[in-house]
Amino acid sequence: MDLAICAAAAALIDITALIIIFASYSEKHSGKKVWGKITSDMELTDESRIYNLECDEILIGRHASADIRLQDMSVSRYHAMLNVTDGKWMITDIGSKSGIFVNGVPVQHTRLYENDVITLGSKRLIFRKRRKN
């Protein structure tokens, strides 16, 4: 009798573990789809280059370690941080000398919308939907 109870408990634990594994796989897969919609849709562009936004936190600056490196002396080494918060792209000034302007308005932290013009020093970047080839 005790052996039957132990076998039933072990089977129940195995079934529970399988359910948790399948549920977490499904959640991870749907999370990737949602993230793909947020990130793969948008890009930053300037007159010579397109910068794909492929992660949830992007450092912009002049330093070699920046995710988006702008080799312009008017851009601070660590100028701005782009990140996704609640499915929305945000930009934050992280102590730059020349500040951040979005559509000509100085900002410390703001949400970005399609076709916003971001000015960092003398560099102008456009936040836009990714062009399909």
Protein backbone atom coordinates (compact mmCIF):
# COMPACT_ATOMS: atom_id res chain seq x y z
CA MET A 1 0.00 0.00 0.00
CA ASP A 2 2.79 2.45 0.92
CA LEU A 3 4.63 1.58 -2.28
CA ALA A 4 1.53 2.38 -4.37
CA ILE A 5 1.13 5.76 -2.65
CA CYS A 6 4.81 6.61 -3.27
CA ALA A 7 4.50 5.60 -6.94
CA ALA A 8 1.37 7.73 -7.36
CA ALA A 9 3.06 10.72 -5.68
CA ALA A 10 6.14 10.35 -7.92
CA ALA A 11 3.93 10.19 -11.02
CA LEU A 12 2.03 13.29 -9.86
CA ILE A 13 5.33 15.16 -9.34
CA ASP A 14 6.51 14.14 -12.83
CA ILE A 15 3.26 15.32 -14.42
CA THR A 16 3.44 18.63 -12.52
CA ALA A 17 7.04 19.15 -13.65
CA LEU A 18 6.06 18.53 -17.29
CA ILE A 19 3.20 21.02 -17.04
CA ILE A 20 5.55 23.67 -15.60
CA ILE A 21 8.12 23.03 -18.35
CA PHE A 22 5.53 23.35 -21.12
CA ALA A 23 3.98 26.46 -19.55
CA SER A 24 7.35 28.21 -19.21
CA TYR A 25 8.30 27.31 -22.80
CA SER A 26 5.01 28.73 -24.05
CA GLU A 27 5.47 31.93 -22.02
CA LYS A 28 9.05 32.35 -23.26
CA HIS A 29 7.92 31.87 -26.87
CA SER A 30 5.09 34.41 -26.59
CA GLY A 31 7.41 36.85 -24.81
CA LYS A 32 9.86 36.64 -27.72
CA LYS A 33 7.03 37.41 -30.17
CA VAL A 34 5.99 40.50 -28.18
CA TRP A 35 9.61 41.64 -27.83
CA GLY A 36 10.15 41.09 -31.55
CA LYS A 37 7.21 43.36 -32.33
CA ILE A 38 8.59 46.12 -30.10
CA THR A 39 12.21 45.99 -31.20
CA SER A 40 12.21 44.77 -34.76
CA ASP A 41 9.85 47.52 -35.82
CA MET A 42 12.05 50.48 -34.88
CA GLU A 43 15.48 51.84 -35.78
CA LEU A 44 17.58 54.96 -35.41
CA THR A 45 19.02 56.52 -38.51
CA ASP A 46 21.23 59.46 -39.41
CA GLU A 47 22.41 60.77 -42.76
CA SER A 48 24.86 57.90 -43.23
CA ARG A 49 23.82 54.94 -41.13
CA ILE A 50 20.97 52.83 -39.76
CA TYR A 51 21.16 51.54 -36.20
CA ASN A 52 18.97 48.53 -35.43
CA LEU A 53 17.43 48.51 -31.96
CA GLU A 54 17.80 44.87 -30.99
CA CYS A 55 17.89 44.84 -27.20
CA ASP A 56 15.95 46.41 -24.35
CA GLU A 57 18.71 48.79 -23.22
CA ILE A 58 20.99 50.65 -25.62
CA LEU A 59 23.81 52.98 -24.61
CA ILE A 60 24.49 55.84 -27.02
CA GLY A 61 27.74 57.76 -26.86
CA ARG A 62 31.20 58.41 -28.23
CA HIS A 63 32.98 55.74 -26.15
CA ALA A 64 34.03 52.47 -27.80
CA SER A 65 31.84 50.50 -25.37
CA ALA A 66 28.63 52.28 -26.46
CA ASP A 67 26.07 50.14 -28.27
CA ILE A 68 25.52 52.98 -30.73
CA ARG A 69 28.82 54.78 -31.15
CA LEU A 70 28.69 58.31 -32.53
CA GLN A 71 32.18 59.49 -33.34
CA ASP A 72 31.54 63.19 -32.92
CA MET A 73 33.23 65.34 -30.28
CA SER A 74 29.93 67.10 -29.50
CA VAL A 75 28.54 63.77 -28.22
CA SER A 76 29.51 62.79 -24.67
CA ARG A 77 31.30 59.50 -24.05
CA TYR A 78 28.14 58.23 -22.35
CA HIS A 79 25.37 60.47 -23.64
CA ALA A 80 22.00 58.72 -23.56
CA MET A 81 20.26 55.47 -22.76
CA LEU A 82 17.45 54.05 -24.88
CA ASN A 83 15.29 51.45 -23.19
CA VAL A 84 11.94 49.77 -23.47
CA THR A 85 9.57 50.31 -20.54
CA ASP A 86 6.10 48.76 -20.62
CA GLY A 87 6.41 48.24 -24.38
CA LYS A 88 7.38 51.86 -25.09
CA TRP A 89 10.76 53.22 -26.17
CA MET A 90 12.19 55.81 -23.77
CA ILE A 91 15.33 57.97 -23.95
CA THR A 92 17.23 59.29 -20.93
CA ASP A 93 20.11 61.75 -20.69
CA ILE A 94 22.80 60.08 -18.57
CA GLY A 95 24.84 63.14 -17.70
CA SER A 96 25.81 64.47 -21.10
CA LYS A 97 27.33 67.93 -21.46
CA SER A 98 25.20 69.08 -24.40
CA GLY A 99 21.91 67.42 -23.42
CA ILE A 100 19.26 65.68 -25.48
CA PHE A 101 16.68 67.37 -27.68
CA VAL A 102 13.65 65.55 -29.06
CA ASN A 103 11.97 67.48 -31.86
CA GLY A 104 13.88 70.58 -30.76
CA VAL A 105 12.75 70.41 -27.12
CA PRO A 106 15.35 69.74 -24.40
CA VAL A 107 14.51 66.60 -22.40
CA GLN A 108 15.97 64.65 -19.52
CA HIS A 109 13.75 61.58 -19.96
CA THR A 110 10.91 61.09 -22.42
CA ARG A 111 8.98 58.59 -24.48
CA LEU A 112 9.85 58.31 -28.17
CA TYR A 113 7.33 58.22 -31.00
CA GLU A 114 7.75 57.33 -34.64
CA ASN A 115 9.65 59.98 -36.65
CA ASP A 116 10.93 61.81 -33.57
CA VAL A 117 14.15 63.70 -34.28
CA ILE A 118 16.72 63.16 -31.52
CA THR A 119 19.63 65.60 -31.30
CA LEU A 120 22.73 64.62 -29.31
CA GLY A 121 25.35 67.34 -29.59
CA SER A 122 25.46 68.11 -33.31
CA LYS A 123 24.24 64.61 -34.33
CA ARG A 124 20.64 64.24 -35.52
CA LEU A 125 19.02 60.81 -35.36
CA ILE A 126 15.55 59.86 -36.52
CA PHE A 127 13.56 57.27 -34.57
CA ARG A 128 11.48 55.50 -37.20
CA LYS A 129 9.88 52.25 -38.24
CA ARG A 130 12.31 49.85 -39.80
CA ARG A 131 12.22 49.89 -43.59
CA LYS A 132 11.40 46.59 -45.29
CA ASN A 133 13.80 45.55 -48.05
